Amino acid sequence: MSSAEAERNAAAELPGGDVVALLLEQHARIRGLFAEIATADAAGRKRAFDDLRALLAVHEAAEELIVRPMAEKTAGKQEAEDRNEEEKEAARVLKQLEGMDVASPEFLRTIAEFEQAVGTHADHEEQQEFPAIVAQCTVVQRRMMGDRLRKAEHLAPTHPHPATADNATALKLTGPFTAMVDRARDVIGR
């Protein structure tokens, strides 16, 4: 069974609307997009990369606003900080990939390395953060977080911004993102 299949199966075992289920489903989609990139022609690779970039941007922004504050309480401050550092590095690499020709050997090498890093990051979340959230939060709390995550995703940026990857304050100071983050906070009740 592939990691994506395992993530979908784990998500299916959780209550509908559960934040962890939603994140596991996204992890599965992310892994699927990496697989598409690896096997597609240049045009297909570009489409899959654009989809991946957009999904990762909204996924990580929503995690930072919704999940990390709870993970800090349930899994520990160091765990949350480590995941934020990984996301900051991922945003930097995504920005680098955006400037590359998707048909180039450099892109293919960098995206393969990036896939490994993203997979490791997702594994850490699934092994450390998510079990702590499931164990220490009620189903109602997790569904409320899931609702907030879905709302935040609709307002999140669709491009990575390395300078803001681990800093909600920096998100507010990045010009066009100020209004988006303010709206997201209003919607999710922060």
Protein backbone atom coordinates (compact mmCIF):
# COMPACT_ATOMS: atom_id res chain seq x y z
CA MET A 1 0.00 0.00 0.00
CA SER A 2 1.36 3.44 -0.91
CA SER A 3 1.71 6.26 1.59
CA ALA A 4 -1.11 8.12 -0.14
CA GLU A 5 -3.41 5.10 0.19
CA ALA A 6 -2.47 4.68 3.85
CA GLU A 7 -3.24 8.36 4.46
CA ARG A 8 -6.63 8.05 2.78
CA ASN A 9 -7.44 4.95 4.83
CA ALA A 10 -6.40 6.65 8.08
CA ALA A 11 -8.50 9.70 7.20
CA ALA A 12 -11.51 7.49 6.51
CA GLU A 13 -11.34 6.09 10.04
CA LEU A 14 -11.75 9.55 11.60
CA PRO A 15 -15.06 11.41 11.99
CA GLY A 16 -16.20 13.56 9.07
CA GLY A 17 -14.82 17.09 9.16
CA ASP A 18 -12.03 16.13 11.57
CA VAL A 19 -9.00 18.40 11.07
CA VAL A 20 -6.62 15.45 11.09
CA ALA A 21 -8.72 13.64 8.47
CA LEU A 22 -8.66 16.73 6.26
CA LEU A 23 -4.89 17.06 6.61
CA LEU A 24 -4.32 13.37 5.86
CA GLU A 25 -6.44 13.69 2.71
CA GLN A 26 -4.35 16.69 1.66
CA HIS A 27 -1.14 14.76 2.32
CA ALA A 28 -2.46 12.04 0.01
CA ARG A 29 -3.22 14.61 -2.72
CA ILE A 30 0.24 16.15 -2.29
CA ARG A 31 1.91 12.74 -2.70
CA GLY A 32 -0.25 12.07 -5.75
CA LEU A 33 0.80 15.35 -7.36
CA PHE A 34 4.46 14.52 -6.79
CA ALA A 35 3.85 11.18 -8.55
CA GLU A 36 2.21 13.04 -11.46
CA ILE A 37 5.17 15.41 -11.75
CA ALA A 38 7.58 12.48 -11.89
CA THR A 39 5.79 10.77 -14.77
CA ALA A 40 4.29 13.61 -16.82
CA ASP A 41 5.56 15.26 -19.97
CA ALA A 42 6.66 18.91 -19.68
CA ALA A 43 3.15 20.36 -20.09
CA GLY A 44 1.64 17.89 -17.63
CA ARG A 45 4.52 18.45 -15.23
CA LYS A 46 3.87 22.20 -15.30
CA ARG A 47 0.16 21.72 -14.54
CA ALA A 48 0.86 19.26 -11.74
CA PHE A 49 3.55 21.52 -10.27
CA ASP A 50 1.20 24.52 -10.34
CA ASP A 51 -1.45 22.43 -8.55
CA LEU A 52 1.13 21.19 -6.03
CA ARG A 53 2.44 24.68 -5.35
CA ALA A 54 -1.07 26.04 -4.75
CA LEU A 55 -2.07 23.11 -2.53
CA LEU A 56 1.11 23.31 -0.45
CA ALA A 57 0.74 27.06 0.01
CA VAL A 58 -2.82 26.87 1.31
CA HIS A 59 -2.13 23.69 3.29
CA GLU A 60 0.82 25.16 5.15
CA ALA A 61 -0.83 28.54 5.72
CA ALA A 62 -3.87 26.82 7.22
CA GLU A 63 -1.67 24.58 9.37
CA GLU A 64 0.22 27.58 10.73
CA LEU A 65 -2.98 29.41 11.62
CA ILE A 66 -5.02 26.46 12.91
CA VAL A 67 -2.95 23.38 13.69
CA ARG A 68 0.37 24.66 15.03
CA PRO A 69 -1.11 26.55 18.00
CA MET A 70 -2.87 23.35 19.10
CA ALA A 71 0.14 21.15 18.30
CA GLU A 72 2.27 23.36 20.51
CA LYS A 73 -0.10 22.53 23.38
CA THR A 74 -0.53 18.84 22.59
CA ALA A 75 2.75 17.71 21.00
CA GLY A 76 5.02 20.35 22.52
CA LYS A 77 6.56 23.64 21.55
CA GLN A 78 9.69 22.08 20.02
CA GLU A 79 7.62 19.83 17.77
CA ALA A 80 5.62 22.81 16.48
CA GLU A 81 8.78 24.87 15.97
CA ASP A 82 10.47 22.03 14.08
CA ARG A 83 7.50 21.69 11.71
CA ASN A 84 7.45 25.46 11.15
CA GLU A 85 11.16 25.41 10.28
CA GLU A 86 10.56 22.64 7.76
CA GLU A 87 7.73 24.66 6.22
CA LYS A 88 9.96 27.72 5.99
CA GLU A 89 12.56 25.69 4.08
CA ALA A 90 9.83 24.21 1.86
CA ALA A 91 8.62 27.70 0.95
CA ARG A 92 12.19 28.67 0.02
CA VAL A 93 12.60 25.62 -2.22
CA LEU A 94 9.20 26.15 -3.84
CA LYS A 95 10.21 29.71 -4.71
CA GLN A 96 13.41 28.33 -6.25
CA LEU A 97 11.45 25.73 -8.24
CA GLU A 98 9.07 28.40 -9.54
CA GLY A 99 11.98 30.01 -11.38
CA MET A 100 13.11 26.80 -13.09
CA ASP A 101 12.18 25.28 -16.43
CA VAL A 102 10.08 22.20 -15.58
CA ALA A 103 11.75 20.31 -18.43
CA SER A 104 15.26 20.90 -17.08
CA PRO A 105 17.32 18.24 -15.32
CA GLU A 106 17.85 20.74 -12.47
CA PHE A 107 14.09 20.95 -11.90
CA LEU A 108 13.73 17.17 -11.91
CA ARG A 109 16.60 16.77 -9.44
CA THR A 110 15.35 19.54 -7.15
CA ILE A 111 11.72 18.36 -7.21
CA ALA A 112 12.83 14.81 -6.32
CA GLU A 113 14.79 16.13 -3.33
CA PHE A 114 11.87 18.35 -2.40
CA GLU A 115 9.48 15.39 -2.55
CA GLN A 116 11.64 13.56 -0.01
CA ALA A 117 11.71 16.58 2.31
CA VAL A 118 7.95 17.11 2.06
CA GLY A 119 7.36 13.39 2.68
CA THR A 120 9.56 13.48 5.78
CA HIS A 121 7.72 16.58 7.00
CA ALA A 122 4.33 14.90 6.48
CA ASP A 123 5.58 11.77 8.26
CA HIS A 124 6.63 13.89 11.27
CA GLU A 125 3.20 15.51 11.38
CA GLU A 126 1.47 12.15 11.10
CA GLN A 127 3.65 10.48 13.75
CA GLN A 128 3.99 13.35 16.26
CA GLU A 129 1.46 16.17 15.85
CA PHE A 130 -1.63 14.37 14.61
CA PRO A 131 -1.69 11.57 17.24
CA ALA A 132 -1.24 14.16 20.01
CA ILE A 133 -4.12 16.23 18.65
CA VAL A 134 -6.36 13.16 18.31
CA ALA A 135 -5.48 12.00 21.84
CA GLN A 136 -5.87 15.36 23.56
CA CYS A 137 -8.67 17.06 21.65
CA THR A 138 -12.31 16.04 21.57
CA VAL A 139 -14.06 15.14 18.33
CA VAL A 140 -15.97 18.43 18.61
CA GLN A 141 -12.73 20.41 18.96
CA ARG A 142 -11.20 18.62 15.97
CA ARG A 143 -14.30 19.26 13.85
CA MET A 144 -14.22 22.94 14.82
CA MET A 145 -10.55 23.05 13.82
CA GLY A 146 -11.51 21.31 10.56
CA ASP A 147 -14.14 23.98 9.87
CA ARG A 148 -11.61 26.70 10.57
CA LEU A 149 -9.02 24.97 8.37
CA ARG A 150 -11.44 24.80 5.42
CA LYS A 151 -12.33 28.49 5.85
CA ALA A 152 -8.67 29.51 6.16
CA GLU A 153 -7.76 27.55 3.02
CA HIS A 154 -10.16 29.65 0.96
CA LEU A 155 -8.36 32.80 2.09
CA ALA A 156 -4.76 31.60 2.05
CA PRO A 157 -2.14 32.60 -0.51
CA THR A 158 -1.58 30.30 -3.47
CA HIS A 159 2.18 30.97 -3.68
CA PRO A 160 4.81 30.26 -1.03
CA HIS A 161 6.43 33.11 0.85
CA PRO A 162 9.62 31.97 2.61
CA ALA A 163 9.93 35.01 4.86
CA THR A 164 6.53 34.32 6.42
CA ALA A 165 6.54 30.53 6.65
CA ASP A 166 6.90 30.38 10.42
CA ASN A 167 5.73 33.77 11.57
CA ALA A 168 2.10 34.89 11.72
CA THR A 169 3.24 38.47 12.41
CA ALA A 170 5.37 38.45 9.28
CA LEU A 171 2.34 37.22 7.32
CA LYS A 172 0.60 40.46 8.30
CA LEU A 173 3.55 42.59 7.19
CA THR A 174 3.94 41.23 3.67
CA GLY A 175 1.74 43.72 1.86
CA PRO A 176 -0.98 41.90 -0.08
CA PHE A 177 -1.19 39.23 2.58
CA THR A 178 -2.22 41.64 5.30
CA ALA A 179 -5.82 41.78 4.13
CA MET A 180 -5.91 38.02 3.48
CA VAL A 181 -4.61 37.13 6.94
CA ASP A 182 -6.91 39.67 8.62
CA ARG A 183 -9.89 38.16 6.77
CA ALA A 184 -8.73 34.64 7.65
CA ARG A 185 -8.41 35.55 11.31
CA ASP A 186 -11.87 37.14 11.27
CA VAL A 187 -13.34 34.03 9.64
CA ILE A 188 -11.61 31.51 11.89
CA GLY A 189 -12.08 33.49 15.08
CA ARG A 190 -8.48 34.04 16.13
